């Protein structure tokens, strides 16, 4: 069948007829990353080992527009399958090499590095730039052992994992045969089966049609995401020129910034969009981008996307040095970084959108935003971490204010709480209005969703078997320690405490959690069973230096007091006083009372 309007032709072919031919194939610049996991490999192996002589495995769509000039066919759809088949061939050849090295060499030249009609060798498939070096070195070049490689990216790890899985399956498949000839026969049969797999082979005759086809295709097993579609749209709008592909270079930087923080690219793209343009769900995102950003605006768009990816990486894993380098204004950078880091500890993703707008515009807003970062931290601690409230409405609210900040910085008119501020108004006035409105909304949300349940939920805080739980208990105790350090006249007033500047920045790597009543309380005359219901409660913890913690260990309360007295932390001075007030006793009742006291202090410390 054919469609002359789209210059598109489709035929039923075997893989041998479609791929194992005297042609070079290439993964084009706009293609998605290699993404097949164990589930897809299991399906592939199941297809390959069925008793049928032939088996339909899906579509392969190729762009032949470069064939005449460059002698290259681009794979628009089917790259996951083609790369996996090449990995399979490499694994089969490596196993065959141990049985018949000459035959293995011949297969490598036929399947992976064949000769053209002029006797020149060429690589049958050229992978995308993100996997090129690793794939070429460890899959296509048989001289290198992939099992000794150290993959760095998600794609590289998938390639190694899939090679290893296919190699194991191949070895298992031939292990029932004792005779080497029989093992070779089984490998040859699988190699023939690869060539007989059936596909619908579609060829496209021009590049524009190739982009359109890619946008509407979903390869078997791994759907096109917003990131895949956006990448295709950007590359279609920004062509490579003079041997340099600017769009590809910038996209790789964006990808590295985002995936380097263990975040899906499609999530970041949504955070970016709802921090700058409009609140949308992921399903509506690509259509909105395509409609909003014309082709002639794609250059500045991808530049903004790259800048935001740097800021997003700061949110997810940025150090104080990263913040210091990125922020030029004379703000309290230590405090800003600390609040972002604490939000990171909490795992509150809803705050990403507002943080992204604040950090993207931080040197342009004309107002010190430090208190807004602290406000976000305090609100999220109460609303999300302690009270576990739903996040959808909050993310929408944060998106609204993130966009307002962007609009104000861009010099446009803003509307806040039924108040219209003209585009020619002072930027500082606009930002003050936005910040004050945001604070009022968060105070209102706290009143409706947190008050009345905060104390009860706080009393449920205990150490759990996760790194997040350890960090958050350190975080809570550190803030209580800072409260104790404040002068008495400051502690007595919420207003004064909120304005009080703590110069100390805590390095959480240098402090450890200390069970006051140990988890192994043998020296206390108790068993683990006796204390399991209360030993991990917040009231049974303090923070202390690693050296003191090691010394305290599982000692009785008298010995522990001696060790705690070596600590400079104010929370431990208060702890010693409490223990002595209770005649050097430490039990469930005292732990619960201390936990309740912490709950009352938390209402003051995290007040908005």
Protein backbone atom coordinates (compact mmCIF):
# COMPACT_ATOMS: atom_id res chain seq x y z
CA UNK A 1 0.00 0.00 0.00
CA UNK A 2 1.12 3.61 -0.44
CA UNK A 3 0.11 7.18 0.31
CA UNK A 4 1.46 9.50 -2.35
CA UNK A 5 0.50 12.63 -0.39
CA UNK A 6 2.76 11.64 2.49
CA UNK A 7 5.37 9.98 0.25
CA UNK A 8 5.00 6.86 2.37
CA UNK A 9 5.22 3.17 1.33
CA UNK A 10 4.58 0.12 3.51
CA UNK A 11 5.39 -3.55 2.81
CA UNK A 12 5.50 -6.83 4.70
CA UNK A 13 9.14 -7.91 4.96
CA UNK A 14 11.38 -10.16 7.00
CA UNK A 15 14.02 -8.51 9.15
CA UNK A 16 16.63 -9.97 6.81
CA UNK A 17 15.04 -8.09 3.90
CA UNK A 18 14.53 -4.87 5.86
CA UNK A 19 17.69 -4.57 7.94
CA UNK A 20 20.36 -7.16 7.11
CA UNK A 21 21.05 -5.64 3.70
CA UNK A 22 23.88 -3.73 2.02
CA UNK A 23 22.86 -0.36 3.56
CA UNK A 24 23.93 1.86 6.45
CA UNK A 25 21.28 2.62 9.08
CA UNK A 26 21.31 5.51 11.54
CA UNK A 27 19.30 6.59 14.57
CA UNK A 28 18.26 10.20 13.79
CA UNK A 29 18.88 13.16 16.09
CA UNK A 30 15.28 13.52 17.29
CA UNK A 31 14.86 9.91 18.44
CA UNK A 32 14.04 9.00 22.02
CA UNK A 33 16.69 7.41 24.28
CA UNK A 34 17.23 3.66 24.38
CA UNK A 35 14.66 2.50 26.92
CA UNK A 36 14.05 -1.25 26.72
CA UNK A 37 14.12 -2.95 30.10
CA UNK A 38 13.94 -6.58 31.22
CA UNK A 39 10.20 -6.76 30.48
CA UNK A 40 10.70 -5.92 26.79
CA UNK A 41 13.70 -8.27 26.58
CA UNK A 42 11.56 -11.11 27.97
CA UNK A 43 8.93 -10.43 25.28
CA UNK A 44 11.60 -10.29 22.59
CA UNK A 45 13.09 -13.61 23.72
CA UNK A 46 9.65 -15.17 23.86
CA UNK A 47 8.98 -14.08 20.26
CA UNK A 48 12.35 -15.39 19.14
CA UNK A 49 12.01 -18.83 20.74
CA UNK A 50 8.44 -19.58 19.68
CA UNK A 51 8.05 -22.76 17.66
CA UNK A 52 6.77 -20.83 14.64
CA UNK A 53 9.27 -20.41 11.81
CA UNK A 54 8.29 -16.77 11.42
CA UNK A 55 6.79 -14.29 13.86
CA UNK A 56 5.48 -10.72 13.47
CA UNK A 57 7.36 -8.31 15.75
CA UNK A 58 5.99 -4.88 14.76
CA UNK A 59 6.77 -1.85 12.62
CA UNK A 60 10.01 -0.48 11.25
CA UNK A 61 9.67 2.95 9.65
CA UNK A 62 12.62 4.37 7.73
CA UNK A 63 13.43 7.74 6.21
CA UNK A 64 15.18 7.26 2.85
CA UNK A 65 15.60 10.98 2.01
CA UNK A 66 19.36 10.82 2.73
CA UNK A 67 19.97 7.62 0.81
CA UNK A 68 21.01 9.21 -2.51
CA UNK A 69 23.48 11.75 -1.05
CA UNK A 70 24.76 10.15 2.18
CA UNK A 71 24.06 6.44 1.57
CA UNK A 72 22.21 6.39 4.92
CA UNK A 73 18.72 5.24 5.93
CA UNK A 74 17.31 6.76 9.14
CA UNK A 75 15.19 4.62 11.47
CA UNK A 76 12.17 6.70 12.52
CA UNK A 77 10.33 3.98 14.40
CA UNK A 78 11.81 0.68 15.55
CA UNK A 79 15.12 1.85 16.97
CA UNK A 80 14.49 0.09 20.31
CA UNK A 81 14.05 -3.19 18.47
CA UNK A 82 16.95 -2.68 16.06
CA UNK A 83 19.41 -1.75 18.80
CA UNK A 84 18.24 -4.70 20.88
CA UNK A 85 18.70 -7.05 17.91
CA UNK A 86 22.25 -5.71 17.52
CA UNK A 87 22.86 -6.36 21.23
CA UNK A 88 21.49 -9.87 20.74
CA UNK A 89 23.80 -10.47 17.76
CA UNK A 90 26.79 -9.27 19.80
CA UNK A 91 25.91 -11.62 22.68
CA UNK A 92 25.43 -14.55 20.30
CA UNK A 93 28.74 -13.86 18.55
CA UNK A 94 30.60 -13.65 21.88
CA UNK A 95 29.23 -17.04 22.95
CA UNK A 96 29.94 -18.55 19.53
CA UNK A 97 33.52 -17.22 19.75
CA UNK A 98 34.20 -19.73 22.55
CA UNK A 99 32.97 -22.58 20.34
CA UNK A 100 34.12 -21.59 16.85
CA UNK A 101 36.14 -18.38 16.63
CA UNK A 102 36.33 -18.36 12.81
CA UNK A 103 32.56 -18.62 12.46
CA UNK A 104 32.11 -15.94 15.11
CA UNK A 105 34.40 -13.59 13.18
CA UNK A 106 32.45 -14.26 9.98
CA UNK A 107 29.11 -13.55 11.71
CA UNK A 108 30.47 -10.31 13.18
CA UNK A 109 31.44 -9.14 9.69
CA UNK A 110 28.05 -10.12 8.28
CA UNK A 111 25.76 -8.91 11.08
CA UNK A 112 27.51 -5.94 12.68
CA UNK A 113 30.44 -4.78 10.52
CA UNK A 114 29.72 -5.88 6.95
CA UNK A 115 31.38 -4.98 3.65
CA UNK A 116 29.74 -2.85 0.99
CA UNK A 117 29.84 -3.63 -2.73
CA UNK A 118 33.26 -1.93 -2.98
CA UNK A 119 34.79 -4.10 -0.27
CA UNK A 120 34.75 -1.37 2.41
CA UNK A 121 33.55 -2.28 5.91
CA UNK A 122 30.84 -0.19 7.57
CA UNK A 123 28.87 -0.30 10.81
CA UNK A 124 25.41 -1.57 10.00
CA UNK A 125 23.76 0.69 12.62
CA UNK A 126 24.95 4.05 13.98
CA UNK A 127 23.27 4.67 17.35
CA UNK A 128 22.20 8.06 18.70
CA UNK A 129 24.75 10.47 20.12
CA UNK A 130 23.84 9.75 23.75
CA UNK A 131 24.78 6.06 23.39
CA UNK A 132 27.22 6.24 20.47
CA UNK A 133 30.55 5.83 22.31
CA UNK A 134 29.39 3.08 24.68
CA UNK A 135 27.43 1.12 22.06
CA UNK A 136 30.20 1.30 19.49
CA UNK A 137 32.92 0.29 21.97
CA UNK A 138 31.18 -2.50 23.88
CA UNK A 139 28.48 -3.87 21.55
CA UNK A 140 29.74 -3.36 18.01
CA UNK A 141 33.49 -3.71 18.62
CA UNK A 142 34.00 -7.32 19.67
CA UNK A 143 37.48 -6.66 21.07
CA UNK A 144 36.08 -5.02 24.25
CA UNK A 145 34.41 -6.89 27.12
CA UNK A 146 31.17 -5.17 28.11
CA UNK A 147 31.15 -6.95 31.48
CA UNK A 148 34.25 -4.96 32.43
CA UNK A 149 32.63 -1.65 31.43
CA UNK A 150 31.39 0.99 33.87
CA UNK A 151 28.18 2.43 32.39
CA UNK A 152 27.40 5.98 33.52
CA UNK A 153 24.01 6.90 32.06
CA UNK A 154 20.62 5.20 32.28
CA UNK A 155 20.88 4.18 28.62
CA UNK A 156 24.34 2.67 29.06
CA UNK A 157 23.17 0.71 32.10
CA UNK A 158 20.19 -0.63 30.14
CA UNK A 159 22.47 -1.69 27.28
CA UNK A 160 24.76 -3.60 29.63
CA UNK A 161 21.86 -5.16 31.56
CA UNK A 162 20.16 -6.27 28.35
CA UNK A 163 23.37 -7.74 26.93
CA UNK A 164 23.87 -9.65 30.18
CA UNK A 165 20.26 -10.91 30.22
CA UNK A 166 20.36 -12.03 26.58
CA UNK A 167 23.75 -13.68 27.09
CA UNK A 168 22.38 -15.66 30.04
CA UNK A 169 19.34 -16.74 28.02
CA UNK A 170 21.51 -17.83 25.10
CA UNK A 171 23.80 -19.82 27.39
CA UNK A 172 20.80 -21.42 29.05
CA UNK A 173 19.30 -22.22 25.67
CA UNK A 174 22.34 -24.21 24.51
CA UNK A 175 23.29 -25.67 27.91
CA UNK A 176 21.11 -28.77 27.44
CA UNK A 177 23.32 -29.84 24.53
CA UNK A 178 26.56 -31.54 25.56
CA UNK A 179 28.05 -31.66 22.08
CA UNK A 180 29.66 -28.43 20.80
CA UNK A 181 28.31 -28.99 17.33
CA UNK A 182 24.77 -29.15 18.71
CA UNK A 183 25.33 -25.93 20.66
CA UNK A 184 26.55 -24.20 17.50
CA UNK A 185 23.54 -25.54 15.61
CA UNK A 186 21.18 -24.02 18.16
CA UNK A 187 22.92 -20.65 17.90
CA UNK A 188 22.74 -20.76 14.10
CA UNK A 189 19.03 -21.54 14.27
CA UNK A 190 18.41 -18.48 16.48
CA UNK A 191 20.47 -16.32 14.12
CA UNK A 192 18.34 -17.50 11.21
CA UNK A 193 15.20 -16.87 13.27
CA UNK A 194 16.24 -13.24 13.72
CA UNK A 195 16.36 -12.79 9.95
CA UNK A 196 12.95 -14.41 9.50
CA UNK A 197 11.13 -12.23 12.01
CA UNK A 198 8.38 -10.38 10.15
CA UNK A 199 7.89 -6.64 10.21
CA UNK A 200 5.80 -4.04 8.45
CA UNK A 201 8.52 -2.03 6.74
CA UNK A 202 7.49 1.52 5.89
CA UNK A 203 9.69 3.93 3.97
CA UNK A 204 9.28 7.70 4.03
CA UNK A 205 10.77 9.80 1.26
CA UNK A 206 11.32 13.23 2.89
CA UNK A 207 12.41 14.66 6.23
CA UNK A 208 9.25 16.64 7.05
CA UNK A 209 7.13 13.54 6.63
CA UNK A 210 9.61 11.65 8.83
CA UNK A 211 9.04 14.15 11.68
CA UNK A 212 5.26 13.87 11.26
CA UNK A 213 5.35 10.08 11.26
CA UNK A 214 7.54 9.98 14.37
CA UNK A 215 5.14 12.27 16.22
CA UNK A 216 2.21 9.93 15.59
CA UNK A 217 3.96 6.60 16.23
CA UNK A 218 4.17 4.55 19.42
CA UNK A 219 6.75 1.81 19.34
CA UNK A 220 5.85 -1.52 20.90
CA UNK A 221 6.40 -1.56 24.65
CA UNK A 222 7.60 2.03 25.18
CA UNK A 223 5.19 4.89 24.39
CA UNK A 224 6.31 8.29 23.17
CA UNK A 225 6.50 10.66 26.13
CA UNK A 226 6.16 14.43 26.18
CA UNK A 227 9.97 14.59 26.14
CA UNK A 228 10.17 12.44 22.98
CA UNK A 229 7.57 14.54 21.19
CA UNK A 230 9.10 17.85 22.27
CA UNK A 231 12.56 16.75 21.19
CA UNK A 232 11.18 15.84 17.77
CA UNK A 233 9.35 19.20 17.53
CA UNK A 234 12.46 21.19 18.50
CA UNK A 235 14.74 19.31 16.09
CA UNK A 236 12.21 19.81 13.32
CA UNK A 237 12.23 23.56 13.96
CA UNK A 238 15.99 24.00 14.44
CA UNK A 239 17.97 22.38 11.68
CA UNK A 240 21.64 21.43 11.94
CA UNK A 241 23.88 23.87 10.06
CA UNK A 242 27.54 23.93 9.01
CA UNK A 243 28.36 20.59 10.61
CA UNK A 244 27.03 21.79 13.98
CA UNK A 245 23.76 20.69 15.56
CA UNK A 246 23.00 23.37 18.17
CA UNK A 247 19.61 21.91 19.11
CA UNK A 248 21.14 18.51 19.74
CA UNK A 249 23.97 19.99 21.83
CA UNK A 250 21.55 21.95 24.02
CA UNK A 251 19.16 19.01 24.34
CA UNK A 252 21.97 16.77 25.60
CA UNK A 253 22.85 19.41 28.24
CA UNK A 254 19.21 19.58 29.34
CA UNK A 255 18.99 15.79 29.47
CA UNK A 256 22.20 15.50 31.51
CA UNK A 257 21.12 18.22 33.96
CA UNK A 258 17.75 16.60 34.58
CA UNK A 259 18.56 12.90 34.45
CA UNK A 260 21.70 13.59 36.47
CA UNK A 261 19.35 14.43 39.32
CA UNK A 262 17.45 11.12 38.89
CA UNK A 263 14.38 12.84 37.44
CA UNK A 264 12.43 11.89 34.32
CA UNK A 265 12.83 14.45 31.57
CA UNK A 266 9.08 14.64 31.01
CA UNK A 267 8.52 15.65 34.65
CA UNK A 268 11.01 18.49 34.36
CA UNK A 269 9.41 19.75 31.13
CA UNK A 270 6.08 19.93 32.90
CA UNK A 271 7.61 21.74 35.91
CA UNK A 272 9.18 24.23 33.51
CA UNK A 273 5.93 24.83 31.65
CA UNK A 274 3.72 25.26 34.71
CA UNK A 275 6.31 27.55 36.30
CA UNK A 276 6.22 29.92 33.33
CA UNK A 277 3.13 29.54 31.15
CA UNK A 278 0.11 27.56 32.32
CA UNK A 279 -0.91 24.82 34.77
CA UNK A 280 -1.57 21.61 32.82
CA UNK A 281 -1.52 17.86 33.26
CA UNK A 282 1.11 15.87 31.36
CA UNK A 283 -1.41 14.53 28.83
CA UNK A 284 -2.16 18.05 27.54
CA UNK A 285 1.36 19.40 27.73
CA UNK A 286 2.84 18.71 24.29
CA UNK A 287 -0.19 20.06 22.45
CA UNK A 288 0.01 23.25 24.54
CA UNK A 289 3.73 23.70 23.80
CA UNK A 290 3.19 23.11 20.09
CA UNK A 291 0.36 25.64 19.96
CA UNK A 292 2.10 28.27 22.12
CA UNK A 293 5.66 28.23 20.75
CA UNK A 294 5.96 28.85 16.99
CA UNK A 295 8.91 27.47 15.04
CA UNK A 296 10.65 30.86 14.84
CA UNK A 297 10.62 31.08 18.66
CA UNK A 298 12.12 27.65 19.23
CA UNK A 299 15.69 28.99 19.64
CA UNK A 300 14.91 31.18 22.68
CA UNK A 301 12.56 28.49 24.02
CA UNK A 302 15.21 25.77 24.14
CA UNK A 303 17.67 28.27 25.65
CA UNK A 304 15.19 29.02 28.45
CA UNK A 305 14.64 25.31 28.89
CA UNK A 306 18.39 24.76 29.29
CA UNK A 307 18.71 27.57 31.86
CA UNK A 308 15.81 26.12 33.83
CA UNK A 309 17.38 22.65 33.70
CA UNK A 310 20.44 24.09 35.46
CA UNK A 311 18.19 25.64 38.14
CA UNK A 312 16.26 22.40 38.45
CA UNK A 313 19.47 20.48 39.04
CA UNK A 314 20.23 22.98 41.84
CA UNK A 315 16.86 22.17 43.42
CA UNK A 316 17.43 18.44 43.24
CA UNK A 317 21.10 18.16 44.21
CA UNK A 318 22.79 21.58 44.19
CA UNK A 319 25.55 22.27 46.73
CA UNK A 320 26.12 25.58 48.50
CA UNK A 321 28.89 26.22 45.98
CA UNK A 322 26.43 25.73 43.09
CA UNK A 323 24.06 28.28 44.65
CA UNK A 324 26.90 30.70 45.35
CA UNK A 325 28.06 30.50 41.73
CA UNK A 326 24.57 30.85 40.26
CA UNK A 327 23.18 33.70 42.40
CA UNK A 328 24.82 37.08 41.82
CA UNK A 329 22.65 39.20 44.13
CA UNK A 330 23.68 39.91 47.72
CA UNK A 331 21.17 37.63 49.41
CA UNK A 332 21.54 35.15 52.28
CA UNK A 333 22.60 32.35 49.94
CA UNK A 334 23.40 29.97 52.80
CA UNK A 335 19.83 30.25 54.07
CA UNK A 336 18.31 29.91 50.60
CA UNK A 337 20.36 26.76 49.94
CA UNK A 338 19.48 25.38 53.38
CA UNK A 339 15.73 25.79 52.77
CA UNK A 340 15.96 24.17 49.33
CA UNK A 341 18.02 21.33 50.81
CA UNK A 342 15.47 20.80 53.59
CA UNK A 343 12.63 20.66 51.06
CA UNK A 344 14.74 18.05 49.24
CA UNK A 345 14.96 16.02 52.47
CA UNK A 346 11.17 16.17 52.80
CA UNK A 347 10.69 14.87 49.26
CA UNK A 348 8.08 17.52 48.45
CA UNK A 349 7.86 17.62 44.65
CA UNK A 350 4.97 20.11 44.62
CA UNK A 351 7.36 22.90 45.60
CA UNK A 352 9.59 22.36 42.52
CA UNK A 353 7.49 24.61 40.30
CA UNK A 354 7.71 27.67 42.57
CA UNK A 355 11.36 27.07 43.43
CA UNK A 356 12.11 26.87 39.71
CA UNK A 357 10.55 30.27 39.02
CA UNK A 358 12.26 31.85 42.04
CA UNK A 359 15.71 30.53 41.12
CA UNK A 360 15.30 31.30 37.41
CA UNK A 361 14.45 34.93 38.17
CA UNK A 362 16.33 35.42 41.42
CA UNK A 363 18.71 38.09 40.11
CA UNK A 364 15.91 39.98 38.33
CA UNK A 365 13.12 40.26 40.89
CA UNK A 366 14.54 43.26 42.78
CA UNK A 367 13.57 41.90 46.19
CA UNK A 368 15.38 39.58 48.62
CA UNK A 369 13.39 36.31 48.39
CA UNK A 370 15.09 34.55 51.32
CA UNK A 371 12.01 34.75 53.53
CA UNK A 372 9.89 33.18 50.78
CA UNK A 373 12.23 30.17 50.61
CA UNK A 374 11.96 29.83 54.41
CA UNK A 375 8.18 30.25 54.20
CA UNK A 376 7.97 27.43 51.66
CA UNK A 377 10.10 25.19 53.85
CA UNK A 378 7.98 25.81 56.95
CA UNK A 379 4.68 25.38 55.13
CA UNK A 380 5.72 22.16 53.40
CA UNK A 381 7.03 20.70 56.65
CA UNK A 382 3.64 21.23 58.33
CA UNK A 383 1.36 20.56 55.40
CA UNK A 384 3.10 17.65 53.69
CA UNK A 385 5.60 16.00 56.02
CA UNK A 386 3.72 16.17 59.31
CA UNK A 387 0.07 16.27 58.22
CA UNK A 388 0.36 14.39 54.89
CA UNK A 389 -2.21 16.58 53.12
CA UNK A 390 -3.09 16.21 49.40
CA UNK A 391 -0.80 18.04 47.00
CA UNK A 392 -2.78 18.68 43.79
CA UNK A 393 -4.32 22.00 44.84
CA UNK A 394 -1.05 23.17 46.39
CA UNK A 395 0.91 22.47 43.20
CA UNK A 396 -1.71 24.43 41.28
CA UNK A 397 -1.37 27.31 43.75
CA UNK A 398 2.44 27.23 43.50
CA UNK A 399 2.13 27.23 39.70
CA UNK A 400 -0.08 30.32 39.84
CA UNK A 401 2.45 32.30 41.87
CA UNK A 402 5.41 30.98 39.86
CA UNK A 403 3.76 32.32 36.69
CA UNK A 404 2.93 35.63 38.40
CA UNK A 405 6.61 36.07 39.29
CA UNK A 406 7.58 35.36 35.68
CA UNK A 407 4.97 37.79 34.32
CA UNK A 408 6.12 40.52 36.71
CA UNK A 409 9.79 40.05 35.77
CA UNK A 410 8.84 40.13 32.07
CA UNK A 411 7.34 43.60 32.66
CA UNK A 412 3.73 42.69 32.02
CA UNK A 413 0.57 43.61 33.91
CA UNK A 414 -0.33 41.28 36.78
CA UNK A 415 -3.57 40.54 38.61
CA UNK A 416 -3.31 39.44 42.24
CA UNK A 417 -6.28 39.03 44.60
CA UNK A 418 -8.58 41.17 42.42
CA UNK A 419 -5.85 43.84 42.28
CA UNK A 420 -4.48 44.85 38.88
CA UNK A 421 -0.94 46.26 38.76
CA UNK A 422 -0.04 47.91 35.46
CA UNK A 423 2.90 46.74 33.37
CA UNK A 424 4.71 50.06 33.88
CA UNK A 425 4.55 49.79 37.68
CA UNK A 426 7.67 49.34 39.79
CA UNK A 427 8.89 45.69 39.73
CA UNK A 428 9.56 45.71 43.48
CA UNK A 429 5.94 46.71 44.10
CA UNK A 430 4.73 43.82 41.95
CA UNK A 431 6.99 41.29 43.68
CA UNK A 432 6.01 42.55 47.16
CA UNK A 433 2.34 42.15 46.22
CA UNK A 434 2.93 38.61 44.93
CA UNK A 435 4.96 37.55 47.98
CA UNK A 436 2.43 38.99 50.46
CA UNK A 437 -0.45 37.32 48.62
CA UNK A 438 1.38 33.99 48.60
CA UNK A 439 2.03 34.18 52.33
CA UNK A 440 -1.63 34.95 53.02
CA UNK A 441 -2.74 31.97 50.92
CA UNK A 442 -0.36 29.61 52.73
CA UNK A 443 -1.46 30.89 56.14
CA UNK A 444 -5.05 30.28 55.06
CA UNK A 445 -4.24 26.75 53.86
CA UNK A 446 -2.46 26.04 57.11
CA UNK A 447 -5.50 27.19 59.06
CA UNK A 448 -7.95 25.01 57.11
CA UNK A 449 -5.81 21.90 56.61
CA UNK A 450 -3.22 21.80 59.41
CA UNK A 451 -4.58 23.41 62.55
CA UNK A 452 -6.33 20.86 64.72
CA UNK A 453 -4.38 17.87 63.40
CA UNK A 454 -0.77 19.06 63.54
CA UNK A 455 -0.03 18.10 67.13
CA UNK A 456 -1.65 14.66 66.82
CA UNK A 457 0.31 13.93 63.65
CA UNK A 458 3.55 15.27 65.11
CA UNK A 459 3.22 12.80 68.00
CA UNK A 460 3.29 9.97 65.42
CA UNK A 461 6.77 10.90 64.17
CA UNK A 462 9.25 8.12 64.77
CA UNK A 463 12.37 6.72 63.14
CA UNK A 464 11.61 4.39 60.26
CA UNK A 465 13.88 2.23 58.12
CA UNK A 466 14.70 4.86 55.49
CA UNK A 467 17.34 7.50 54.89
CA UNK A 468 14.61 10.12 54.51
CA UNK A 469 13.31 9.32 58.00
CA UNK A 470 16.80 9.68 59.52
CA UNK A 471 17.38 13.00 57.77
CA UNK A 472 14.00 14.39 58.83
CA UNK A 473 14.48 13.50 62.50
CA UNK A 474 17.90 15.17 62.33
CA UNK A 475 16.20 18.16 60.70
CA UNK A 476 13.56 18.44 63.42
CA UNK A 477 16.01 18.07 66.29
CA UNK A 478 18.42 20.54 64.71
CA UNK A 479 15.67 23.16 64.51
CA UNK A 480 14.76 22.51 68.15
CA UNK A 481 18.43 22.92 69.04
CA UNK A 482 18.52 26.29 67.23
CA UNK A 483 15.38 27.34 69.11
CA UNK A 484 17.06 26.54 72.43
CA UNK A 485 20.08 28.60 71.33
CA UNK A 486 17.99 31.74 70.79
CA UNK A 487 17.88 34.28 73.66
CA UNK A 488 14.96 33.89 76.06
CA UNK A 489 13.32 37.15 74.99
CA UNK A 490 13.36 35.93 71.36
CA UNK A 491 11.95 32.49 72.17
CA UNK A 492 8.98 33.99 73.99
CA UNK A 493 7.66 35.70 70.84
CA UNK A 494 6.74 33.96 67.56
CA UNK A 495 7.10 37.25 65.72
CA UNK A 496 10.58 37.90 67.10
CA UNK A 497 11.63 34.29 66.50
CA UNK A 498 10.57 34.50 62.84
CA UNK A 499 12.70 37.62 62.38
CA UNK A 500 15.67 36.31 64.36
CA UNK A 501 18.61 35.43 62.13
CA UNK A 502 20.42 32.22 62.98
CA UNK A 503 23.86 32.54 61.46
CA UNK A 504 24.68 28.85 61.95
CA UNK A 505 24.22 26.54 58.96
CA UNK A 506 24.02 22.87 59.88
CA UNK A 507 26.11 20.26 58.13
CA UNK A 508 23.97 17.15 58.49
CA UNK A 509 26.92 14.95 57.59
CA UNK A 510 28.64 15.95 60.85
CA UNK A 511 25.82 15.06 63.23
CA UNK A 512 24.36 11.69 64.15
CA UNK A 513 21.12 10.52 65.68
CA UNK A 514 21.44 9.15 69.18
CA UNK A 515 18.93 6.81 70.78
CA UNK A 516 18.84 7.90 74.43
CA UNK A 517 17.23 4.61 75.47
CA UNK A 518 19.20 2.21 73.22
CA UNK A 519 17.55 -0.27 70.89
CA UNK A 520 19.52 -3.00 72.64
CA UNK A 521 18.75 -2.10 76.27
CA UNK A 522 20.30 -5.11 78.00
CA UNK A 523 22.31 -2.92 80.40
CA UNK A 524 19.06 -1.15 81.33
CA UNK A 525 17.51 -4.42 82.45
CA UNK A 526 15.14 -4.41 79.48
CA UNK A 527 14.67 -6.48 76.32
CA UNK A 528 14.14 -5.28 72.75
CA UNK A 529 10.56 -6.53 73.02
CA UNK A 530 10.01 -4.37 76.13
CA UNK A 531 10.95 -1.13 74.36
CA UNK A 532 9.93 -1.70 70.72
CA UNK A 533 6.72 0.39 70.99
CA UNK A 534 8.50 3.59 72.04
CA UNK A 535 12.27 3.30 71.45
CA UNK A 536 12.03 4.94 67.99
CA UNK A 537 9.79 7.83 69.01
CA UNK A 538 11.10 11.35 68.40
CA UNK A 539 11.16 12.01 72.15
CA UNK A 540 13.84 9.33 72.56
CA UNK A 541 16.35 11.01 70.24
CA UNK A 542 18.97 13.67 70.36
CA UNK A 543 21.62 14.80 67.89
CA UNK A 544 25.28 14.60 68.71
CA UNK A 545 28.70 14.48 67.07
CA UNK A 546 29.76 11.14 65.60
CA UNK A 547 32.59 10.69 68.10
CA UNK A 548 30.37 11.24 71.12
CA UNK A 549 27.70 9.01 69.61
CA UNK A 550 30.21 6.19 69.30
CA UNK A 551 31.22 6.63 72.92
CA UNK A 552 27.66 6.66 74.28
CA UNK A 553 26.62 3.40 72.56
CA UNK A 554 24.31 1.24 74.71
CA UNK A 555 25.39 2.52 78.11
CA UNK A 556 23.09 3.18 81.06
CA UNK A 557 21.67 6.66 81.57
CA UNK A 558 24.36 7.65 84.08
CA UNK A 559 27.16 6.91 81.62
CA UNK A 560 25.25 8.57 78.79
CA UNK A 561 24.96 11.80 80.80
CA UNK A 562 28.75 11.90 81.03
CA UNK A 563 29.00 11.65 77.24
CA UNK A 564 26.20 14.13 76.52
CA UNK A 565 27.90 16.65 78.79
CA UNK A 566 30.82 16.71 76.30
CA UNK A 567 28.49 18.01 73.59
CA UNK A 568 28.26 21.75 72.83
CA UNK A 569 24.73 21.45 71.45
CA UNK A 570 22.10 23.28 73.49
CA UNK A 571 19.57 20.49 72.98
CA UNK A 572 21.85 18.18 75.00
CA UNK A 573 22.18 20.69 77.84
CA UNK A 574 18.38 20.75 78.00
CA UNK A 575 18.33 16.93 77.85
CA UNK A 576 20.75 16.58 80.77
CA UNK A 577 18.63 19.02 82.81
CA UNK A 578 15.49 16.98 82.05
CA UNK A 579 17.13 13.69 83.03
CA UNK A 580 18.40 15.13 86.32
CA UNK A 581 14.99 16.64 87.07
CA UNK A 582 13.61 13.10 86.80
CA UNK A 583 16.20 11.68 89.23
CA UNK A 584 18.36 10.26 86.44
CA UNK A 585 15.48 8.19 85.10
CA UNK A 586 14.57 7.70 81.44
CA UNK A 587 11.46 5.69 80.59
CA UNK A 588 8.43 5.54 78.32
CA UNK A 589 6.52 8.20 80.24
CA UNK A 590 9.38 10.72 80.10
CA UNK A 591 9.94 9.99 76.40
CA UNK A 592 6.26 10.65 75.64
CA UNK A 593 6.29 13.87 77.68
CA UNK A 594 9.39 15.10 75.85
CA UNK A 595 7.78 14.25 72.50
CA UNK A 596 4.68 16.24 73.51
CA UNK A 597 6.87 19.18 74.51
CA UNK A 598 8.58 19.02 71.09
CA UNK A 599 5.13 19.17 69.46
CA UNK A 600 4.39 22.43 71.31
CA UNK A 601 7.77 23.86 70.31
CA UNK A 602 7.14 22.86 66.68
CA UNK A 603 4.05 25.09 66.58
CA UNK A 604 6.33 28.00 67.43
CA UNK A 605 9.40 27.04 65.38
CA UNK A 606 7.53 26.33 62.13
CA UNK A 607 4.99 29.12 62.51
CA UNK A 608 4.38 30.99 59.27
